């Protein structure tokens, strides 16, 4: 595989050229039909979006740009909802509605995914409290952990403290390891 970066009218910056060529090469690492890729405007936009996500995760959390949607898990024999899966989405004022494939891998690579995980857990617990006040019966909610979360030695203690803070039983919140955690190891 090879990545190519062509100098344009700008002053040559060898370090940046090498980084961009490597980015182009990495972008086809799982493509067996391509042997090389030229760094282009599409890749430049991907880099810009990744830098934006990395530098705006705090703002996204503080400004409620991170949203949680619930996917019901239905018991096959009774057709009753027995569990919910919390799915995160980013509703950004600049980029619009970002699906998880656009921001989770960036947050994982920059070791910032724990911020999203904690945000999702807190949002789920807020929803629990709201439903309890309305007298609506609660079902357990599953929250996904990324491969990076799995290796964070503090995450378990932090999540348990949040759970205790909100007086929830251990059964109320389920933690699931995402499929991507198995890809590397």
Protein backbone atom coordinates (compact mmCIF):
# COMPACT_ATOMS: atom_id res chain seq x y z
CA UNK A 1 0.00 0.00 0.00
CA UNK A 2 1.10 3.57 -0.59
CA UNK A 3 -0.16 7.02 0.16
CA UNK A 4 0.63 9.98 -2.06
CA UNK A 5 0.66 13.66 -1.25
CA UNK A 6 1.23 16.14 -4.04
CA UNK A 7 2.62 19.56 -3.20
CA UNK A 8 0.43 22.36 -4.48
CA UNK A 9 1.11 26.07 -4.45
CA UNK A 10 1.81 26.09 -0.71
CA UNK A 11 5.29 26.06 0.74
CA UNK A 12 6.63 22.52 1.09
CA UNK A 13 6.35 21.15 4.62
CA UNK A 14 7.92 17.71 4.60
CA UNK A 15 6.44 16.65 7.95
CA UNK A 16 2.91 17.58 6.88
CA UNK A 17 3.42 15.90 3.49
CA UNK A 18 4.50 12.66 5.18
CA UNK A 19 1.54 12.80 7.59
CA UNK A 20 -0.91 13.31 4.75
CA UNK A 21 0.62 10.55 2.63
CA UNK A 22 0.37 8.20 5.62
CA UNK A 23 -3.25 9.25 6.21
CA UNK A 24 -4.01 8.48 2.55
CA UNK A 25 -2.32 5.09 2.89
CA UNK A 26 -4.15 4.29 6.14
CA UNK A 27 -7.47 5.17 4.50
CA UNK A 28 -7.13 2.14 2.19
CA UNK A 29 -5.58 -0.30 4.65
CA UNK A 30 -8.68 -2.54 4.54
CA UNK A 31 -9.25 -2.14 0.82
CA UNK A 32 -7.77 -5.01 -1.15
CA UNK A 33 -8.72 -3.54 -4.50
CA UNK A 34 -6.54 -0.41 -4.09
CA UNK A 35 -2.76 -0.28 -3.90
CA UNK A 36 -2.40 3.49 -3.41
CA UNK A 37 -4.42 6.59 -2.65
CA UNK A 38 -3.69 10.22 -3.34
CA UNK A 39 -4.44 12.64 -0.52
CA UNK A 40 -7.39 14.70 -1.75
CA UNK A 41 -10.06 17.14 -0.59
CA UNK A 42 -12.22 14.33 0.82
CA UNK A 43 -9.39 13.23 3.12
CA UNK A 44 -8.67 16.85 4.04
CA UNK A 45 -12.32 17.25 5.12
CA UNK A 46 -12.12 14.04 7.15
CA UNK A 47 -9.05 15.37 8.98
CA UNK A 48 -10.77 18.71 9.60
CA UNK A 49 -13.87 16.95 10.97
CA UNK A 50 -11.74 14.70 13.19
CA UNK A 51 -9.87 17.69 14.62
CA UNK A 52 -13.20 19.43 15.18
CA UNK A 53 -14.65 16.42 17.03
CA UNK A 54 -11.54 16.10 19.16
CA UNK A 55 -11.56 19.77 20.13
CA UNK A 56 -15.35 20.04 20.60
CA UNK A 57 -16.26 16.96 22.67
CA UNK A 58 -16.39 19.09 25.83
CA UNK A 59 -18.63 21.66 24.14
CA UNK A 60 -20.84 18.88 22.79
CA UNK A 61 -21.35 17.54 26.29
CA UNK A 62 -21.85 20.94 27.93
CA UNK A 63 -24.22 22.22 25.24
CA UNK A 64 -26.34 19.04 25.06
CA UNK A 65 -25.26 18.21 21.51
CA UNK A 66 -24.87 14.59 22.61
CA UNK A 67 -28.24 12.84 22.51
CA UNK A 68 -29.28 9.39 23.67
CA UNK A 69 -31.76 7.33 21.69
CA UNK A 70 -33.11 4.07 23.01
CA UNK A 71 -33.42 0.91 20.97
CA UNK A 72 -35.86 -1.51 22.60
CA UNK A 73 -34.95 -5.14 23.08
CA UNK A 74 -38.13 -7.19 22.95
CA UNK A 75 -38.67 -10.59 24.56
CA UNK A 76 -39.51 -12.96 21.70
CA UNK A 77 -42.20 -14.97 23.47
CA UNK A 78 -44.06 -12.16 25.26
CA UNK A 79 -43.35 -9.21 22.91
CA UNK A 80 -42.61 -7.09 26.00
CA UNK A 81 -39.71 -4.68 26.19
CA UNK A 82 -37.21 -6.32 28.53
CA UNK A 83 -34.21 -4.05 27.99
CA UNK A 84 -33.16 -0.90 26.15
CA UNK A 85 -29.88 -0.11 24.44
CA UNK A 86 -28.65 3.47 24.77
CA UNK A 87 -27.33 4.79 21.46
CA UNK A 88 -25.39 8.05 21.29
CA UNK A 89 -25.73 10.61 18.55
CA UNK A 90 -24.08 14.01 18.12
CA UNK A 91 -26.32 16.83 16.90
CA UNK A 92 -23.71 19.43 15.98
CA UNK A 93 -24.39 23.04 14.97
CA UNK A 94 -21.58 22.94 12.37
CA UNK A 95 -21.70 19.41 10.96
CA UNK A 96 -25.33 18.56 11.67
CA UNK A 97 -26.44 15.16 12.87
CA UNK A 98 -23.34 12.97 13.22
CA UNK A 99 -23.85 9.21 13.32
CA UNK A 100 -21.58 7.26 15.70
CA UNK A 101 -19.32 6.09 12.87
CA UNK A 102 -18.19 9.68 12.38
CA UNK A 103 -17.19 10.48 15.97
CA UNK A 104 -16.64 7.33 18.04
CA UNK A 105 -13.49 6.18 16.22
CA UNK A 106 -12.04 9.70 16.52
CA UNK A 107 -12.73 9.77 20.26
CA UNK A 108 -11.26 6.28 20.62
CA UNK A 109 -8.08 7.14 18.74
CA UNK A 110 -7.58 10.26 20.84
CA UNK A 111 -8.40 8.40 24.10
CA UNK A 112 -11.38 10.73 24.72
CA UNK A 113 -14.10 8.11 24.43
CA UNK A 114 -14.48 7.93 28.21
CA UNK A 115 -15.98 11.43 28.10
CA UNK A 116 -18.71 10.20 25.77
CA UNK A 117 -19.26 7.06 27.86
CA UNK A 118 -19.71 9.06 31.07
CA UNK A 119 -21.97 11.55 29.29
CA UNK A 120 -24.21 8.75 27.99
CA UNK A 121 -24.40 7.12 31.43
CA UNK A 122 -25.38 10.44 33.02
CA UNK A 123 -28.03 11.08 30.35
CA UNK A 124 -29.46 7.58 30.86
CA UNK A 125 -29.63 8.18 34.61
CA UNK A 126 -31.38 11.53 34.05
CA UNK A 127 -33.95 9.72 31.93
CA UNK A 128 -34.34 7.08 34.67
CA UNK A 129 -35.11 9.76 37.24
CA UNK A 130 -37.59 11.43 34.89
CA UNK A 131 -39.42 8.16 34.23
CA UNK A 132 -39.48 7.31 37.95
CA UNK A 133 -41.11 10.66 38.75
CA UNK A 134 -43.81 9.91 36.18
CA UNK A 135 -44.37 6.45 37.66
CA UNK A 136 -43.30 4.68 34.48
CA UNK A 137 -41.80 1.22 35.14
CA UNK A 138 -38.08 1.01 34.39
CA UNK A 139 -36.33 -1.66 32.39
CA UNK A 140 -32.57 -2.16 32.39
CA UNK A 141 -30.57 -0.06 29.94
CA UNK A 142 -27.41 -1.26 28.19
CA UNK A 143 -24.62 1.22 27.56
CA UNK A 144 -21.83 0.32 25.14
CA UNK A 145 -18.21 0.45 26.22
CA UNK A 146 -15.55 0.85 23.57
CA UNK A 147 -12.30 -1.08 23.38
CA UNK A 148 -10.54 1.92 24.92
CA UNK A 149 -12.99 2.04 27.85
CA UNK A 150 -12.25 -1.60 28.65
CA UNK A 151 -8.62 -0.78 29.42
CA UNK A 152 -9.36 2.26 31.63
CA UNK A 153 -8.68 1.14 35.22
CA UNK A 154 -10.70 4.04 36.70
CA UNK A 155 -13.85 3.66 34.63
CA UNK A 156 -15.38 0.91 36.76
CA UNK A 157 -15.02 2.98 39.93
CA UNK A 158 -16.32 6.13 38.25
CA UNK A 159 -19.38 4.37 36.83
CA UNK A 160 -20.11 2.67 40.15
CA UNK A 161 -19.88 6.02 41.96
CA UNK A 162 -22.33 7.58 39.47
CA UNK A 163 -24.70 4.63 39.94
CA UNK A 164 -24.57 4.91 43.74
CA UNK A 165 -25.00 8.70 43.53
CA UNK A 166 -28.28 8.06 41.71
CA UNK A 167 -29.48 5.25 44.03
CA UNK A 168 -29.75 2.71 41.23
CA UNK A 169 -29.42 -1.02 41.60
CA UNK A 170 -26.65 -2.78 39.71
CA UNK A 171 -29.32 -4.43 37.54
CA UNK A 172 -30.59 -1.11 36.18
CA UNK A 173 -27.51 -0.36 34.08
CA UNK A 174 -25.84 -2.96 31.90
CA UNK A 175 -22.46 -2.41 30.31
CA UNK A 176 -21.75 -4.04 26.96
CA UNK A 177 -18.44 -4.22 25.19
CA UNK A 178 -18.80 -3.14 21.56
CA UNK A 179 -17.75 -5.42 18.73
CA UNK A 180 -14.84 -3.12 17.84
CA UNK A 181 -13.18 -4.08 21.12
CA UNK A 182 -12.57 -7.55 19.73
CA UNK A 183 -11.02 -6.37 16.47
CA UNK A 184 -7.64 -5.36 17.92
CA UNK A 185 -7.32 -8.15 20.47
